[in-house]
Amino acid sequence: MTNGGVDRAIECTGNVQAMISAFECVHDGWGVAVLVGVPSKDAEFKTHPVNFLSERTLKGTFYGNYKPRTDLPKVVEQYMNGELELEKFITHKVPFSEINKAFEYMLKGESIRCIISMEE
């Protein structure tokens, strides 16, 4: 279907099998797979070594590689100007005393973003 593989594959689920599939479907020589999703702490990524020897590239990104000092002020400005709708990405709100619940939501894939309130 792709005549040898795709140029770019992006995985966003955190499912290790999807990560492996993304890497294994990129084109030999120049294909790049970018892993965005956060896998469970016990997950293992296994693929045949020839997938690396055929010059495929595997990259990961954490929080989109934002640079807090320069990028966050821009995001805040966009939000304050009404140009960015952040509320639709917030799926849960928990008090600080239940912070472990926020981690459970994340690890189970039940949350996009969770607000942790410092007030009870």
C-alpha atoms as a PDB file:
ATOM      1  CA  MET A   1       0.000   0.000   0.000  1.00  0.00           C
ATOM      2  CA  THR A   2       2.836   2.440   0.779  1.00  0.00           C
ATOM      3  CA  ASN A   3       5.419   0.999  -1.595  1.00  0.00           C
ATOM      4  CA  GLY A   4       7.961   0.146   1.079  1.00  0.00           C
ATOM      5  CA  GLY A   5       6.846   2.079   4.144  1.00  0.00           C
ATOM      6  CA  VAL A   6       5.748   5.501   5.274  1.00  0.00           C
ATOM      7  CA  ASP A   7       8.067   8.474   5.635  1.00  0.00           C
ATOM      8  CA  ARG A   8       6.741   9.415   9.089  1.00  0.00           C
ATOM      9  CA  ALA A   9       4.708   7.603  11.742  1.00  0.00           C
ATOM     10  CA  ILE A  10       3.484   9.191  14.973  1.00  0.00           C
ATOM     11  CA  GLU A  11       2.213   7.082  17.855  1.00  0.00           C
ATOM     12  CA  CYS A  12       0.104   8.859  20.498  1.00  0.00           C
ATOM     13  CA  THR A  13      -1.640   6.099  22.451  1.00  0.00           C
ATOM     14  CA  GLY A  14       1.043   4.790  24.787  1.00  0.00           C
ATOM     15  CA  ASN A  15       0.216   1.264  23.638  1.00  0.00           C
ATOM     16  CA  VAL A  16       3.541  -0.522  23.172  1.00  0.00           C
ATOM     17  CA  GLN A  17       2.259  -2.665  20.309  1.00  0.00           C
ATOM     18  CA  ALA A  18       1.201   0.527  18.503  1.00  0.00           C
ATOM     19  CA  MET A  19       4.679   1.976  19.150  1.00  0.00           C
ATOM     20  CA  ILE A  20       6.321  -1.095  17.651  1.00  0.00           C
ATOM     21  CA  SER A  21       3.963  -0.996  14.664  1.00  0.00           C
ATOM     22  CA  ALA A  22       4.732   2.688  14.085  1.00  0.00           C
ATOM     23  CA  PHE A  23       8.463   1.986  14.061  1.00  0.00           C
ATOM     24  CA  GLU A  24       8.206  -1.107  11.920  1.00  0.00           C
ATOM     25  CA  CYS A  25       6.029   0.564   9.266  1.00  0.00           C
ATOM     26  CA  VAL A  26       8.443   3.385   8.388  1.00  0.00           C
ATOM     27  CA  HIS A  27      10.530   3.227   5.220  1.00  0.00           C
ATOM     28  CA  ASP A  28      14.030   1.756   5.326  1.00  0.00           C
ATOM     29  CA  GLY A  29      16.700   4.419   4.918  1.00  0.00           C
ATOM     30  CA  TRP A  30      14.764   7.535   5.841  1.00  0.00           C
ATOM     31  CA  GLY A  31      11.607   6.642   7.767  1.00  0.00           C
ATOM     32  CA  VAL A  32      11.111   8.295  11.155  1.00  0.00           C
ATOM     33  CA  ALA A  33       8.812   7.085  13.913  1.00  0.00           C
ATOM     34  CA  VAL A  34       7.988   9.487  16.756  1.00  0.00           C
ATOM     35  CA  LEU A  35       6.616   8.066  19.998  1.00  0.00           C
ATOM     36  CA  VAL A  36       4.424  10.499  21.942  1.00  0.00           C
ATOM     37  CA  GLY A  37       2.227   8.263  24.096  1.00  0.00           C
ATOM     38  CA  VAL A  38       3.295   7.275  27.599  1.00  0.00           C
ATOM     39  CA  PRO A  39       3.455   3.486  28.060  1.00  0.00           C
ATOM     40  CA  SER A  40       2.869   1.651  31.319  1.00  0.00           C
ATOM     41  CA  LYS A  41       5.917   1.446  33.560  1.00  0.00           C
ATOM     42  CA  ASP A  42       6.349  -2.300  32.945  1.00  0.00           C
ATOM     43  CA  ALA A  43       6.007  -2.173  29.159  1.00  0.00           C
ATOM     44  CA  GLU A  44       8.813  -3.409  26.924  1.00  0.00           C
ATOM     45  CA  PHE A  45       9.585  -2.304  23.384  1.00  0.00           C
ATOM     46  CA  LYS A  46      10.836  -5.271  21.345  1.00  0.00           C
ATOM     47  CA  THR A  47      11.707  -5.245  17.684  1.00  0.00           C
ATOM     48  CA  HIS A  48      14.230  -7.014  15.488  1.00  0.00           C
ATOM     49  CA  PRO A  49      17.654  -5.283  15.425  1.00  0.00           C
ATOM     50  CA  VAL A  50      17.623  -5.206  11.620  1.00  0.00           C
ATOM     51  CA  ASN A  51      14.953  -2.480  11.897  1.00  0.00           C
ATOM     52  CA  PHE A  52      17.662  -0.193  13.290  1.00  0.00           C
ATOM     53  CA  LEU A  53      20.356  -1.425  10.933  1.00  0.00           C
ATOM     54  CA  SER A  54      18.177  -0.503   7.949  1.00  0.00           C
ATOM     55  CA  GLU A  55      18.562   3.159   8.985  1.00  0.00           C
ATOM     56  CA  ARG A  56      15.075   3.774  10.308  1.00  0.00           C
ATOM     57  CA  THR A  57      14.937   6.466  12.988  1.00  0.00           C
ATOM     58  CA  LEU A  58      13.106   6.167  16.290  1.00  0.00           C
ATOM     59  CA  LYS A  59      12.460   9.319  18.300  1.00  0.00           C
ATOM     60  CA  GLY A  60      10.518  10.092  21.424  1.00  0.00           C
ATOM     61  CA  THR A  61       9.041  13.281  22.724  1.00  0.00           C
ATOM     62  CA  PHE A  62       7.859  14.204  26.179  1.00  0.00           C
ATOM     63  CA  TYR A  63       5.336  17.038  26.446  1.00  0.00           C
ATOM     64  CA  GLY A  64       6.028  17.935  22.829  1.00  0.00           C
ATOM     65  CA  ASN A  65       9.573  19.072  23.654  1.00  0.00           C
ATOM     66  CA  TYR A  66       8.273  22.367  24.981  1.00  0.00           C
ATOM     67  CA  LYS A  67      10.858  24.732  26.354  1.00  0.00           C
ATOM     68  CA  PRO A  68       9.194  26.122  29.487  1.00  0.00           C
ATOM     69  CA  ARG A  69      11.141  29.374  29.585  1.00  0.00           C
ATOM     70  CA  THR A  70      10.228  30.436  26.046  1.00  0.00           C
ATOM     71  CA  ASP A  71       7.191  28.388  25.029  1.00  0.00           C
ATOM     72  CA  LEU A  72       4.946  28.512  28.110  1.00  0.00           C
ATOM     73  CA  PRO A  73       4.602  32.323  28.167  1.00  0.00           C
ATOM     74  CA  LYS A  74       3.392  32.143  24.543  1.00  0.00           C
ATOM     75  CA  VAL A  75       0.805  29.490  25.430  1.00  0.00           C
ATOM     76  CA  VAL A  76      -0.420  31.539  28.395  1.00  0.00           C
ATOM     77  CA  GLU A  77      -0.752  34.605  26.153  1.00  0.00           C
ATOM     78  CA  GLN A  78      -2.739  32.597  23.572  1.00  0.00           C
ATOM     79  CA  TYR A  79      -5.031  31.299  26.318  1.00  0.00           C
ATOM     80  CA  MET A  80      -5.551  34.754  27.836  1.00  0.00           C
ATOM     81  CA  ASN A  81      -6.400  36.152  24.379  1.00  0.00           C
ATOM     82  CA  GLY A  82      -9.013  33.425  23.851  1.00  0.00           C
ATOM     83  CA  GLU A  83      -7.000  31.854  21.028  1.00  0.00           C
ATOM     84  CA  LEU A  84      -6.490  28.535  22.807  1.00  0.00           C
ATOM     85  CA  GLU A  85      -9.255  26.425  24.362  1.00  0.00           C
ATOM     86  CA  LEU A  86      -7.563  24.467  27.126  1.00  0.00           C
ATOM     87  CA  GLU A  87     -10.706  23.497  29.047  1.00  0.00           C
ATOM     88  CA  LYS A  88     -11.713  20.862  26.514  1.00  0.00           C
ATOM     89  CA  PHE A  89      -8.511  18.926  27.279  1.00  0.00           C
ATOM     90  CA  ILE A  90      -9.115  18.778  31.041  1.00  0.00           C
ATOM     91  CA  THR A  91     -10.835  15.502  31.850  1.00  0.00           C
ATOM     92  CA  HIS A  92     -10.409  15.342  35.633  1.00  0.00           C
ATOM     93  CA  LYS A  93      -9.881  17.597  38.654  1.00  0.00           C
ATOM     94  CA  VAL A  94      -8.610  16.215  41.963  1.00  0.00           C
ATOM     95  CA  PRO A  95      -7.478  17.778  45.245  1.00  0.00           C
ATOM     96  CA  PHE A  96      -3.792  17.482  46.132  1.00  0.00           C
ATOM     97  CA  SER A  97      -4.658  14.899  48.784  1.00  0.00           C
ATOM     98  CA  GLU A  98      -5.757  12.592  45.924  1.00  0.00           C
ATOM     99  CA  ILE A  99      -2.769  13.177  43.647  1.00  0.00           C
ATOM    100  CA  ASN A 100      -2.218   9.430  43.283  1.00  0.00           C
ATOM    101  CA  LYS A 101      -5.647   9.187  41.669  1.00  0.00           C
ATOM    102  CA  ALA A 102      -4.408  11.564  38.941  1.00  0.00           C
ATOM    103  CA  PHE A 103      -1.475   9.234  38.265  1.00  0.00           C
ATOM    104  CA  GLU A 104      -3.846   6.255  38.141  1.00  0.00           C
ATOM    105  CA  TYR A 105      -6.000   8.046  35.538  1.00  0.00           C
ATOM    106  CA  MET A 106      -2.903   8.744  33.449  1.00  0.00           C
ATOM    107  CA  LEU A 107      -1.461   5.231  33.678  1.00  0.00           C
ATOM    108  CA  LYS A 108      -4.824   3.652  32.803  1.00  0.00           C
ATOM    109  CA  GLY A 109      -5.238   5.991  29.830  1.00  0.00           C
ATOM    110  CA  GLU A 110      -8.416   7.457  31.332  1.00  0.00           C
ATOM    111  CA  SER A 111      -7.257  11.077  31.361  1.00  0.00           C
ATOM    112  CA  ILE A 112      -6.076  13.649  28.863  1.00  0.00           C
ATOM    113  CA  ARG A 113      -5.123  16.268  31.445  1.00  0.00           C
ATOM    114  CA  CYS A 114      -5.862  16.345  35.157  1.00  0.00           C
ATOM    115  CA  ILE A 115      -5.934  19.507  37.268  1.00  0.00           C
ATOM    116  CA  ILE A 116      -4.529  19.070  40.767  1.00  0.00           C
ATOM    117  CA  SER A 117      -5.935  21.655  43.158  1.00  0.00           C
ATOM    118  CA  MET A 118      -3.820  22.754  46.108  1.00  0.00           C
ATOM    119  CA  GLU A 119      -7.014  23.646  47.977  1.00  0.00           C
ATOM    120  CA  GLU A 120      -9.078  20.926  49.657  1.00  0.00           C
END
